[in-house]
Amino acid sequence: MELRAISFRTGPLDVFEQMAFDEICVRDYKGGFIARFYEWVPGAFATFGYAQFFNEVKKTLPDGFNIRQTTRRPTGGGLVMHGADITFSLIIPSEGQLSPKPLYGQIHDSVFMALKEIGINCAVCAQTGPGGYMPSCGEQASACFKNPVEQDILDADGAKILGGAIRKFDKAVLYQGSLQMPDARKIMPKLQPVMLEYFSKRWGAQFREESAPEELMRRTKVLADEVYRNICWINKF
């Protein structure tokens, strides 16, 4: 029996609403798969990993960046700038214990094959560099795209273009990823259906696009205001 698989359309959201939508979906998880390609309101935003220190994040952000457009993710990883990237999330069934490395590899292998299919020259990172990933380095927050780890995707020059973070909830896993390359959002209409096709092949679940229900969008705005815009969450660590 084919598992239910949805690719949600939300309309443009800001960074706080993006995080809130993903959290509600994974906490309300009712089976199947959920994919989403973020639609952004105009502007430059940033997210940082759940375990990072906000005081270090502020030191790492570019000069002149509006700190009020930044929030903590529900997943891990490093500081990510969102201004021209393709940002996407996946919610995947996961009962019991999670082994994140194989799942991370499955997701990135699917994206790698989709990129190759549309003519993007890229490679999968074979190994993590010395020291691995750390949330902070030298009292500054680690920036996600300065430190490739095993199974990230690299461009033809060896620079990291895809990174992501995973967190296990009760019965599902939330993956949040960012694809950063020149003109990334211009290729999204071409890349998105190919990525969904490879995700469908990977898990045997045909993704179907649906508009997010109004009730889900209402709750998203409430959670965004109560948590993701709240300085208590942003300055949690």
Protein backbone atom coordinates (compact mmCIF):
# COMPACT_ATOMS: atom_id res chain seq x y z
CA MET A 1 0.00 0.00 0.00
CA GLU A 2 1.40 3.39 -1.05
CA LEU A 3 2.00 5.77 1.84
CA ARG A 4 0.36 9.19 1.76
CA ALA A 5 2.77 11.90 0.61
CA ILE A 6 1.99 15.63 0.42
CA SER A 7 3.96 18.55 -0.98
CA PHE A 8 2.45 21.56 0.79
CA ARG A 9 2.09 25.01 -0.76
CA THR A 10 1.77 27.80 1.81
CA GLY A 11 2.21 31.06 -0.05
CA PRO A 12 4.98 33.47 1.01
CA LEU A 13 6.02 33.29 4.68
CA ASP A 14 8.67 35.03 6.75
CA VAL A 15 11.40 33.16 8.61
CA PHE A 16 9.38 32.83 11.84
CA GLU A 17 6.36 31.40 10.03
CA GLN A 18 8.55 28.97 8.05
CA MET A 19 9.92 27.44 11.25
CA ALA A 20 6.49 27.37 12.90
CA PHE A 21 4.88 25.59 9.94
CA ASP A 22 7.47 22.80 10.00
CA GLU A 23 7.14 22.34 13.75
CA ILE A 24 3.36 22.11 13.66
CA CYS A 25 3.46 19.57 10.84
CA VAL A 26 5.93 17.28 12.57
CA ARG A 27 4.27 17.55 16.00
CA ASP A 28 0.82 16.90 14.50
CA TYR A 29 2.23 14.07 12.39
CA LYS A 30 -0.47 11.65 11.24
CA GLY A 31 1.50 9.34 8.95
CA GLY A 32 3.02 9.46 5.49
CA PHE A 33 5.50 11.97 4.11
CA ILE A 34 5.42 15.76 3.90
CA ALA A 35 7.66 17.83 1.62
CA ARG A 36 7.74 21.59 1.33
CA PHE A 37 9.68 24.08 -0.76
CA TYR A 38 9.65 27.35 1.16
CA GLU A 39 7.97 30.33 -0.44
CA TRP A 40 9.58 33.47 1.01
CA VAL A 41 8.31 37.00 1.48
CA PRO A 42 10.87 39.49 0.09
CA GLY A 43 13.88 40.13 2.30
CA ALA A 44 17.00 38.62 3.79
CA PHE A 45 16.61 36.19 6.69
CA ALA A 46 18.82 33.90 8.75
CA THR A 47 18.29 30.78 10.85
CA PHE A 48 20.68 29.13 13.26
CA GLY A 49 20.89 25.70 14.82
CA TYR A 50 18.95 24.74 17.92
CA ALA A 51 22.12 24.26 19.99
CA GLN A 52 23.92 27.44 18.93
CA PHE A 53 24.50 30.46 21.18
CA PHE A 54 22.70 33.62 20.12
CA ASN A 55 25.52 35.87 21.35
CA GLU A 56 27.87 33.99 19.02
CA VAL A 57 25.38 34.14 16.16
CA LYS A 58 25.28 37.94 16.43
CA LYS A 59 29.06 38.07 16.01
CA THR A 60 28.92 35.88 12.91
CA LEU A 61 26.14 37.62 10.98
CA PRO A 62 27.28 39.94 8.15
CA ASP A 63 27.74 43.61 8.98
CA GLY A 64 24.51 45.50 8.59
CA PHE A 65 22.29 42.44 8.70
CA ASN A 66 18.99 43.01 10.51
CA ILE A 67 19.20 40.82 13.60
CA ARG A 68 15.41 40.99 13.91
CA GLN A 69 15.12 38.79 10.83
CA THR A 70 16.85 35.88 12.55
CA THR A 71 15.51 32.94 14.55
CA ARG A 72 16.54 29.64 16.07
CA ARG A 73 15.56 26.50 14.14
CA PRO A 74 13.90 23.48 15.74
CA THR A 75 16.68 21.42 14.10
CA GLY A 76 20.45 21.54 14.57
CA GLY A 77 23.27 22.59 12.29
CA GLY A 78 24.94 25.94 11.75
CA LEU A 79 24.05 29.49 10.81
CA VAL A 80 22.32 29.74 7.41
CA MET A 81 21.58 32.88 5.39
CA HIS A 82 18.31 32.82 3.47
CA GLY A 83 18.11 35.42 0.74
CA ALA A 84 18.56 33.59 -2.52
CA ASP A 85 18.62 29.91 -1.55
CA ILE A 86 16.19 27.07 -2.18
CA THR A 87 14.98 26.14 1.29
CA PHE A 88 13.02 22.94 1.77
CA SER A 89 11.87 20.55 4.45
CA LEU A 90 10.86 16.91 4.69
CA ILE A 91 8.91 15.03 7.34
CA ILE A 92 9.60 11.32 7.23
CA PRO A 93 8.08 8.45 9.27
CA SER A 94 10.43 7.15 11.93
CA GLU A 95 9.31 4.77 14.68
CA GLY A 96 11.74 3.96 17.47
CA GLN A 97 15.41 4.90 17.40
CA LEU A 98 16.81 7.09 14.62
CA SER A 99 20.10 6.55 12.82
CA PRO A 100 20.49 10.02 11.25
CA LYS A 101 23.48 9.37 8.99
CA PRO A 102 21.75 6.91 6.58
CA LEU A 103 18.65 9.12 6.36
CA TYR A 104 20.75 12.22 5.69
CA GLY A 105 22.52 10.28 2.95
CA GLN A 106 19.24 9.13 1.37
CA ILE A 107 17.88 12.68 1.21
CA HIS A 108 21.07 14.17 -0.19
CA ASP A 109 21.57 11.37 -2.68
CA SER A 110 18.08 12.06 -4.03
CA VAL A 111 18.83 15.79 -4.36
CA PHE A 112 22.19 15.02 -5.97
CA MET A 113 20.53 12.88 -8.65
CA ALA A 114 17.91 15.58 -9.27
CA LEU A 115 20.60 18.24 -9.70
CA LYS A 116 22.53 16.03 -12.10
CA GLU A 117 19.37 15.38 -14.12
CA ILE A 118 18.82 19.09 -14.74
CA GLY A 119 22.47 19.58 -15.71
CA ILE A 120 24.10 20.86 -12.49
CA ASN A 121 27.68 19.65 -12.09
CA CYS A 122 28.04 18.58 -8.46
CA ALA A 123 29.39 15.85 -6.16
CA VAL A 124 28.64 14.27 -2.80
CA CYS A 125 31.14 15.07 -0.04
CA ALA A 126 33.01 11.86 0.76
CA GLN A 127 34.12 12.69 4.29
CA THR A 128 33.86 15.27 7.04
CA GLY A 129 36.89 17.49 7.52
CA PRO A 130 39.14 17.41 10.60
CA GLY A 131 37.26 18.03 13.83
CA GLY A 132 33.81 17.45 12.32
CA TYR A 133 30.95 19.85 12.90
CA MET A 134 30.78 21.97 16.06
CA PRO A 135 28.03 24.52 16.85
CA SER A 136 30.63 27.17 17.67
CA CYS A 137 34.24 27.90 16.80
CA GLY A 138 36.42 30.52 18.44
CA GLU A 139 33.44 32.05 20.26
CA GLN A 140 31.59 32.53 16.99
CA ALA A 141 28.68 30.49 15.66
CA SER A 142 29.72 27.99 13.00
CA ALA A 143 28.36 28.91 9.59
CA CYS A 144 26.79 25.91 7.87
CA PHE A 145 28.24 26.53 4.43
CA LYS A 146 31.85 27.01 5.55
CA ASN A 147 32.17 23.46 6.81
CA PRO A 148 31.15 20.59 4.50
CA VAL A 149 30.40 17.32 6.24
CA GLU A 150 30.05 13.83 4.83
CA GLN A 151 27.09 13.53 2.43
CA ASP A 152 26.71 17.26 1.86
CA ILE A 153 26.63 18.29 -1.81
CA LEU A 154 29.50 20.24 -3.35
CA ASP A 155 29.74 22.22 -6.58
CA ALA A 156 32.31 21.58 -9.32
CA ASP A 157 34.90 23.62 -7.37
CA GLY A 158 34.36 21.71 -4.12
CA ALA A 159 32.30 24.41 -2.36
CA LYS A 160 29.34 23.27 -0.29
CA ILE A 161 25.95 23.97 -1.91
CA LEU A 162 23.59 21.76 0.11
CA GLY A 163 23.47 21.28 3.84
CA GLY A 164 20.71 20.22 6.19
CA ALA A 165 19.78 19.29 9.72
CA ILE A 166 17.67 16.50 11.19
CA ARG A 167 15.70 16.19 14.40
CA LYS A 168 13.68 13.22 15.63
CA PHE A 169 10.25 13.93 17.09
CA ASP A 170 7.79 11.33 18.41
CA LYS A 171 6.96 9.29 15.30
CA ALA A 172 8.64 11.30 12.56
CA VAL A 173 11.84 13.08 11.57
CA LEU A 174 12.07 16.70 10.46
CA TYR A 175 14.77 17.54 7.91
CA GLN A 176 15.41 21.19 6.98
CA GLY A 177 17.78 21.89 4.11
CA SER A 178 19.20 24.80 2.13
CA LEU A 179 20.54 24.70 -1.43
CA GLN A 180 22.79 27.67 -2.07
CA MET A 181 24.14 28.32 -5.54
CA PRO A 182 23.99 31.18 -8.08
CA ASP A 183 20.43 31.83 -9.29
CA ALA A 184 19.14 28.99 -7.11
CA ARG A 185 15.59 30.30 -6.92
CA LYS A 186 15.45 30.81 -10.67
CA ILE A 187 15.97 27.08 -11.21
CA MET A 188 13.48 26.05 -8.50
CA PRO A 189 10.49 25.62 -10.91
CA LYS A 190 12.64 23.19 -12.91
CA LEU A 191 14.30 21.46 -9.96
CA GLN A 192 11.34 21.05 -7.59
CA PRO A 193 9.35 18.46 -9.59
CA VAL A 194 12.51 16.44 -10.26
CA MET A 195 13.40 16.40 -6.56
CA LEU A 196 9.87 15.27 -5.70
CA GLU A 197 10.14 12.54 -8.31
CA TYR A 198 13.34 11.21 -6.73
CA PHE A 199 11.85 11.43 -3.23
CA SER A 200 8.86 9.45 -4.52
CA LYS A 201 11.13 6.78 -5.97
CA ARG A 202 13.22 6.67 -2.78
CA TRP A 203 10.32 5.95 -0.43
CA GLY A 204 7.67 4.53 -2.75
CA ALA A 205 5.30 7.37 -1.92
CA GLN A 206 3.97 9.58 -4.72
CA PHE A 207 4.03 13.23 -3.63
CA ARG A 208 0.97 15.28 -4.50
CA GLU A 209 0.86 19.06 -4.23
CA GLU A 210 -1.78 20.53 -1.92
CA SER A 211 -2.48 23.97 -0.52
CA ALA A 212 -1.97 24.06 3.24
CA PRO A 213 -5.32 24.11 5.09
CA GLU A 214 -6.46 27.48 6.47
CA GLU A 215 -6.51 26.12 10.03
CA LEU A 216 -2.87 25.03 9.70
CA MET A 217 -1.89 28.47 8.42
CA ARG A 218 -3.75 30.14 11.29
CA ARG A 219 -1.92 28.01 13.85
CA THR A 220 1.36 28.71 12.07
CA LYS A 221 0.97 32.45 12.58
CA VAL A 222 0.10 31.94 16.25
CA LEU A 223 3.14 29.72 16.90
CA ALA A 224 5.40 32.08 14.97
CA ASP A 225 4.37 34.95 17.25
CA GLU A 226 4.41 32.95 20.47
CA VAL A 227 7.73 31.13 19.91
CA TYR A 228 9.84 31.98 16.89
CA ARG A 229 9.60 35.78 17.19
CA ASN A 230 9.96 35.53 20.97
CA ILE A 231 13.34 36.60 22.35
CA CYS A 232 13.08 33.83 24.96
CA TRP A 233 13.28 31.25 22.16
CA ILE A 234 15.82 33.15 20.06
CA ASN A 235 18.08 33.72 23.08
CA LYS A 236 17.44 30.24 24.54
CA PHE A 237 21.18 29.53 24.74
